[in-house]
Amino acid sequence: MEPRQRRGSTPKDEQDQVLTIPPEFALISTEVLLHKEGDRLVMKTFA
C-alpha cells in the first residue's frame, strides 16, 4: 500500500490537492480524497 492517501506523506500532493482543508476535516483527512476535475476540486468524504 502506498501512503499517498495520508496527509503529509507527500508534500507535492499536499500542496496541489490538500490546499483548502478545514481543521475539522483534518481529523478525517485519511478518509478524504480530492480529485481534480478541470478547474474545480471534488471532495469525496467516506463516513
N, C-alpha and C. Protein backbone atom coordinates (compact mmCIF):
# COMPACT_ATOMS: atom_id res chain seq x y z
N MET A 1 0.83 -1.21 0.00
CA MET A 1 0.00 0.00 0.00
C MET A 1 0.86 1.26 0.00
N GLU A 2 0.52 2.19 -0.86
CA GLU A 2 1.26 3.44 -0.91
C GLU A 2 0.58 4.49 -0.04
N PRO A 3 1.33 5.10 0.86
CA PRO A 3 0.78 6.10 1.80
C PRO A 3 0.49 7.44 1.13
N ARG A 4 -0.13 7.41 -0.05
CA ARG A 4 -0.43 8.66 -0.76
C ARG A 4 -1.69 9.29 -0.20
N GLN A 5 -2.55 8.44 0.42
CA GLN A 5 -3.80 8.94 0.97
C GLN A 5 -3.56 9.73 2.24
N ARG A 6 -2.50 9.38 2.95
CA ARG A 6 -2.22 10.04 4.23
C ARG A 6 -1.74 11.46 4.00
N ARG A 7 -2.15 12.34 4.89
CA ARG A 7 -1.82 13.76 4.76
C ARG A 7 -0.43 14.01 5.32
N GLY A 8 0.43 14.58 4.49
CA GLY A 8 1.78 14.89 4.94
C GLY A 8 2.81 13.90 4.43
N SER A 9 2.33 12.81 3.81
CA SER A 9 3.26 11.81 3.29
C SER A 9 4.02 12.38 2.10
N THR A 10 3.27 12.97 1.18
CA THR A 10 3.89 13.55 0.00
C THR A 10 3.61 15.04 -0.05
N PRO A 11 4.64 15.87 0.15
CA PRO A 11 4.48 17.32 0.15
C PRO A 11 3.97 17.84 -1.19
N LYS A 12 4.27 17.11 -2.26
CA LYS A 12 3.84 17.54 -3.59
C LYS A 12 2.32 17.46 -3.71
N ASP A 13 1.76 16.33 -3.28
CA ASP A 13 0.31 16.16 -3.34
C ASP A 13 -0.40 17.05 -2.33
N GLU A 14 0.30 17.34 -1.24
CA GLU A 14 -0.31 18.15 -0.18
C GLU A 14 -0.49 19.58 -0.65
N GLN A 15 0.46 20.07 -1.43
CA GLN A 15 0.38 21.45 -1.92
C GLN A 15 -0.58 21.55 -3.10
N ASP A 16 -0.68 20.47 -3.88
CA ASP A 16 -1.53 20.50 -5.06
C ASP A 16 -2.99 20.22 -4.72
N GLN A 17 -3.21 19.16 -3.93
CA GLN A 17 -4.58 18.76 -3.64
C GLN A 17 -5.05 19.24 -2.27
N VAL A 18 -4.31 18.84 -1.24
CA VAL A 18 -4.69 19.23 0.12
C VAL A 18 -4.29 20.68 0.36
N LEU A 19 -5.11 21.59 -0.13
CA LEU A 19 -4.81 23.01 -0.03
C LEU A 19 -5.82 23.70 0.87
N THR A 20 -7.09 23.42 0.60
CA THR A 20 -8.12 24.05 1.41
C THR A 20 -8.86 23.00 2.23
N ILE A 21 -8.24 22.57 3.31
CA ILE A 21 -8.85 21.58 4.19
C ILE A 21 -9.11 22.20 5.56
N PRO A 22 -10.39 22.31 5.92
CA PRO A 22 -10.78 22.86 7.21
C PRO A 22 -10.23 22.00 8.35
N PRO A 23 -9.99 22.61 9.53
CA PRO A 23 -9.46 21.91 10.70
C PRO A 23 -10.30 20.69 11.08
N GLU A 24 -11.62 20.79 10.90
CA GLU A 24 -12.49 19.68 11.28
C GLU A 24 -12.28 18.49 10.35
N PHE A 25 -11.83 18.75 9.14
CA PHE A 25 -11.59 17.67 8.19
C PHE A 25 -10.20 17.07 8.38
N ALA A 26 -9.38 17.77 9.16
CA ALA A 26 -8.01 17.30 9.39
C ALA A 26 -8.02 15.98 10.14
N LEU A 27 -9.07 15.76 10.92
CA LEU A 27 -9.17 14.53 11.70
C LEU A 27 -9.49 13.35 10.79
N ILE A 28 -10.26 13.62 9.73
CA ILE A 28 -10.63 12.54 8.83
C ILE A 28 -9.97 12.73 7.47
N SER A 29 -8.79 13.35 7.49
CA SER A 29 -8.09 13.64 6.25
C SER A 29 -7.72 12.36 5.51
N THR A 30 -7.58 11.27 6.28
CA THR A 30 -7.21 10.00 5.68
C THR A 30 -8.38 9.43 4.89
N GLU A 31 -9.59 9.89 5.22
CA GLU A 31 -10.78 9.38 4.55
C GLU A 31 -11.29 10.35 3.50
N VAL A 32 -10.55 11.45 3.33
CA VAL A 32 -10.97 12.45 2.35
C VAL A 32 -10.09 12.38 1.11
N LEU A 33 -10.72 12.19 -0.03
CA LEU A 33 -9.96 12.12 -1.28
C LEU A 33 -10.31 13.32 -2.15
N LEU A 34 -9.27 13.99 -2.64
CA LEU A 34 -9.50 15.14 -3.51
C LEU A 34 -9.15 14.80 -4.95
N HIS A 35 -10.09 15.03 -5.82
CA HIS A 35 -9.86 14.76 -7.24
C HIS A 35 -10.04 16.03 -8.05
N LYS A 36 -9.07 16.29 -8.91
CA LYS A 36 -9.16 17.50 -9.74
C LYS A 36 -9.96 17.21 -11.01
N GLU A 37 -11.04 17.95 -11.18
CA GLU A 37 -11.84 17.83 -12.40
C GLU A 37 -11.88 19.19 -13.08
N GLY A 38 -11.00 19.37 -14.05
CA GLY A 38 -10.97 20.65 -14.75
C GLY A 38 -10.42 21.75 -13.87
N ASP A 39 -11.28 22.70 -13.53
CA ASP A 39 -10.83 23.83 -12.71
C ASP A 39 -11.40 23.77 -11.29
N ARG A 40 -12.12 22.69 -10.98
CA ARG A 40 -12.73 22.60 -9.66
C ARG A 40 -12.28 21.34 -8.93
N LEU A 41 -12.37 21.40 -7.62
CA LEU A 41 -11.95 20.26 -6.80
C LEU A 41 -13.18 19.54 -6.27
N VAL A 42 -13.18 18.23 -6.46
CA VAL A 42 -14.30 17.43 -5.97
C VAL A 42 -13.86 16.65 -4.74
N MET A 43 -14.44 17.00 -3.60
CA MET A 43 -14.07 16.34 -2.36
C MET A 43 -15.07 15.26 -2.00
N LYS A 44 -14.58 14.03 -1.93
CA LYS A 44 -15.45 12.92 -1.58
C LYS A 44 -15.12 12.44 -0.17
N THR A 45 -16.13 12.45 0.69
CA THR A 45 -15.91 12.03 2.07
C THR A 45 -16.59 10.69 2.33
N PHE A 46 -15.83 9.77 2.88
CA PHE A 46 -16.38 8.46 3.20
C PHE A 46 -16.62 8.36 4.70
N ALA A 47 -17.88 8.50 5.10
CA ALA A 47 -18.20 8.47 6.52
C ALA A 47 -18.48 7.03 6.95
